[in-house]
Amino acid sequence: PGFRLWEVQVKKIDLFITSVITYTSIASEDHAKLILYAMQSWMFIMVQITFSPYDNRQINLLDRVECLGLYVRALLYNGVALCLLLESGKWFGYTLAALVVI
């Protein structure tokens, strides 16, 4: 009952922060934006794990699926940031993509 507006409040704040990072000059360089995206994704994983807002029936399945989606998002942001910031070769990118898929 306390988390009825979770999607409206927290998820929209997440989208708002993503828009602020993308469309404003809060970070003027692209590398800084990549780091901010990665930090934001881990921050919202921590918020999700701390509050576990969804229904507790079915062995917390909704919370687990939401956390899984947030982990994939964080790994994607961190992987892209790692590849672009370190200017790695294509084999490193392929290896990282395979790890995300697994």
C-alpha atoms as a PDB file:
ATOM      1  CA  PRO A   1       0.000   0.000   0.000  1.00  0.00           C
ATOM      2  CA  GLY A   2       2.842   2.420   0.666  1.00  0.00           C
ATOM      3  CA  PHE A   3       4.276   2.036  -2.826  1.00  0.00           C
ATOM      4  CA  ARG A   4       1.163   2.507  -4.954  1.00  0.00           C
ATOM      5  CA  LEU A   5       2.724   5.376  -6.874  1.00  0.00           C
ATOM      6  CA  TRP A   6       6.151   3.771  -7.323  1.00  0.00           C
ATOM      7  CA  GLU A   7       5.952   3.788 -11.124  1.00  0.00           C
ATOM      8  CA  VAL A   8       4.815   7.401 -11.198  1.00  0.00           C
ATOM      9  CA  GLN A   9       7.266   8.740  -8.654  1.00  0.00           C
ATOM     10  CA  VAL A  10      10.503   6.798  -8.824  1.00  0.00           C
ATOM     11  CA  LYS A  11      10.458   5.610 -12.425  1.00  0.00           C
ATOM     12  CA  LYS A  12       9.521   9.038 -13.756  1.00  0.00           C
ATOM     13  CA  ILE A  13      12.288  10.599 -11.673  1.00  0.00           C
ATOM     14  CA  ASP A  14      14.654   8.089 -13.279  1.00  0.00           C
ATOM     15  CA  LEU A  15      13.478   9.131 -16.744  1.00  0.00           C
ATOM     16  CA  PHE A  16      13.725  12.799 -15.786  1.00  0.00           C
ATOM     17  CA  ILE A  17      17.333  12.400 -14.635  1.00  0.00           C
ATOM     18  CA  THR A  18      18.148  10.573 -17.874  1.00  0.00           C
ATOM     19  CA  SER A  19      16.637  13.456 -19.848  1.00  0.00           C
ATOM     20  CA  VAL A  20      18.553  16.025 -17.820  1.00  0.00           C
ATOM     21  CA  ILE A  21      21.822  14.206 -18.462  1.00  0.00           C
ATOM     22  CA  THR A  22      21.043  13.825 -22.158  1.00  0.00           C
ATOM     23  CA  TYR A  23      19.600  17.189 -23.137  1.00  0.00           C
ATOM     24  CA  THR A  24      21.282  19.701 -20.831  1.00  0.00           C
ATOM     25  CA  SER A  25      24.854  20.781 -20.360  1.00  0.00           C
ATOM     26  CA  ILE A  26      25.161  19.271 -16.892  1.00  0.00           C
ATOM     27  CA  ALA A  27      27.993  17.250 -18.394  1.00  0.00           C
ATOM     28  CA  SER A  28      29.433  18.888 -21.466  1.00  0.00           C
ATOM     29  CA  GLU A  29      31.615  15.980 -22.591  1.00  0.00           C
ATOM     30  CA  ASP A  30      30.229  12.703 -23.870  1.00  0.00           C
ATOM     31  CA  HIS A  31      32.577  10.720 -21.641  1.00  0.00           C
ATOM     32  CA  ALA A  32      31.196  12.464 -18.564  1.00  0.00           C
ATOM     33  CA  LYS A  33      27.646  11.679 -19.686  1.00  0.00           C
ATOM     34  CA  LEU A  34      28.515   7.991 -20.001  1.00  0.00           C
ATOM     35  CA  ILE A  35      29.858   7.970 -16.468  1.00  0.00           C
ATOM     36  CA  LEU A  36      26.735   9.762 -15.203  1.00  0.00           C
ATOM     37  CA  TYR A  37      24.489   7.199 -16.921  1.00  0.00           C
ATOM     38  CA  ALA A  38      26.419   4.371 -15.266  1.00  0.00           C
ATOM     39  CA  MET A  39      26.206   6.042 -11.853  1.00  0.00           C
ATOM     40  CA  GLN A  40      22.495   6.680 -12.294  1.00  0.00           C
ATOM     41  CA  SER A  41      21.784   3.065 -13.188  1.00  0.00           C
ATOM     42  CA  TRP A  42      23.556   1.759 -10.077  1.00  0.00           C
ATOM     43  CA  MET A  43      21.821   4.369  -7.923  1.00  0.00           C
ATOM     44  CA  PHE A  44      18.373   3.191  -9.009  1.00  0.00           C
ATOM     45  CA  ILE A  45      19.348  -0.445  -8.460  1.00  0.00           C
ATOM     46  CA  MET A  46      20.142   0.492  -4.869  1.00  0.00           C
ATOM     47  CA  VAL A  47      16.793   2.283  -4.515  1.00  0.00           C
ATOM     48  CA  GLN A  48      14.945  -0.748  -5.925  1.00  0.00           C
ATOM     49  CA  ILE A  49      16.728  -3.209  -3.651  1.00  0.00           C
ATOM     50  CA  THR A  50      16.289  -1.008  -0.584  1.00  0.00           C
ATOM     51  CA  PHE A  51      12.540  -0.529  -0.894  1.00  0.00           C
ATOM     52  CA  SER A  52      11.393  -3.687  -2.786  1.00  0.00           C
ATOM     53  CA  PRO A  53       8.141  -1.929  -3.686  1.00  0.00           C
ATOM     54  CA  TYR A  54       6.249  -4.651  -5.487  1.00  0.00           C
ATOM     55  CA  ASP A  55       3.887  -7.314  -4.188  1.00  0.00           C
ATOM     56  CA  ASN A  56       5.448  -9.961  -1.941  1.00  0.00           C
ATOM     57  CA  ARG A  57       3.387 -12.852  -3.271  1.00  0.00           C
ATOM     58  CA  GLN A  58       4.923 -15.398  -5.625  1.00  0.00           C
ATOM     59  CA  ILE A  59       8.323 -15.332  -3.831  1.00  0.00           C
ATOM     60  CA  ASN A  60       8.924 -11.659  -4.675  1.00  0.00           C
ATOM     61  CA  LEU A  61       8.936 -12.402  -8.405  1.00  0.00           C
ATOM     62  CA  LEU A  62       8.093  -8.840  -9.481  1.00  0.00           C
ATOM     63  CA  ASP A  63      10.955  -7.377  -7.464  1.00  0.00           C
ATOM     64  CA  ARG A  64      13.343  -9.970  -8.864  1.00  0.00           C
ATOM     65  CA  VAL A  65      12.340  -9.276 -12.468  1.00  0.00           C
ATOM     66  CA  GLU A  66      12.638  -5.524 -11.931  1.00  0.00           C
ATOM     67  CA  CYS A  67      16.086  -5.951 -10.383  1.00  0.00           C
ATOM     68  CA  LEU A  68      17.147  -8.174 -13.273  1.00  0.00           C
ATOM     69  CA  GLY A  69      16.103  -5.500 -15.759  1.00  0.00           C
ATOM     70  CA  LEU A  70      17.975  -2.841 -13.804  1.00  0.00           C
ATOM     71  CA  TYR A  71      21.082  -5.034 -13.666  1.00  0.00           C
ATOM     72  CA  VAL A  72      20.996  -5.509 -17.439  1.00  0.00           C
ATOM     73  CA  ARG A  73      20.646  -1.754 -17.872  1.00  0.00           C
ATOM     74  CA  ALA A  74      23.584  -1.097 -15.542  1.00  0.00           C
ATOM     75  CA  LEU A  75      25.768  -3.680 -17.272  1.00  0.00           C
ATOM     76  CA  LEU A  76      24.901  -2.195 -20.643  1.00  0.00           C
ATOM     77  CA  TYR A  77      25.729   1.364 -19.557  1.00  0.00           C
ATOM     78  CA  ASN A  78      28.933   0.264 -17.839  1.00  0.00           C
ATOM     79  CA  GLY A  79      29.946  -1.902 -20.778  1.00  0.00           C
ATOM     80  CA  VAL A  80      29.415   0.853 -23.320  1.00  0.00           C
ATOM     81  CA  ALA A  81      31.234   3.335 -21.084  1.00  0.00           C
ATOM     82  CA  LEU A  82      34.117   0.924 -20.619  1.00  0.00           C
ATOM     83  CA  CYS A  83      34.441   0.232 -24.338  1.00  0.00           C
ATOM     84  CA  LEU A  84      34.268   3.885 -25.358  1.00  0.00           C
ATOM     85  CA  LEU A  85      36.352   5.369 -22.576  1.00  0.00           C
ATOM     86  CA  LEU A  86      39.164   2.845 -22.929  1.00  0.00           C
ATOM     87  CA  GLU A  87      38.942   2.819 -26.741  1.00  0.00           C
ATOM     88  CA  SER A  88      39.082  -0.951 -26.733  1.00  0.00           C
ATOM     89  CA  GLY A  89      39.190  -3.162 -29.777  1.00  0.00           C
ATOM     90  CA  LYS A  90      36.263  -4.990 -31.291  1.00  0.00           C
ATOM     91  CA  TRP A  91      37.154  -8.323 -29.660  1.00  0.00           C
ATOM     92  CA  PHE A  92      36.834  -6.753 -26.230  1.00  0.00           C
ATOM     93  CA  GLY A  93      33.435  -5.409 -27.253  1.00  0.00           C
ATOM     94  CA  TYR A  94      32.330  -8.819 -28.499  1.00  0.00           C
ATOM     95  CA  THR A  95      33.466 -10.452 -25.268  1.00  0.00           C
ATOM     96  CA  LEU A  96      31.630  -7.881 -23.194  1.00  0.00           C
ATOM     97  CA  ALA A  97      28.479  -8.305 -25.293  1.00  0.00           C
ATOM     98  CA  ALA A  98      28.640 -12.072 -24.791  1.00  0.00           C
ATOM     99  CA  LEU A  99      28.901 -11.571 -21.030  1.00  0.00           C
ATOM    100  CA  VAL A 100      25.823  -9.344 -21.033  1.00  0.00           C
ATOM    101  CA  VAL A 101      23.849 -11.897 -23.043  1.00  0.00           C
ATOM    102  CA  ILE A 102      24.833 -14.739 -20.719  1.00  0.00           C
END
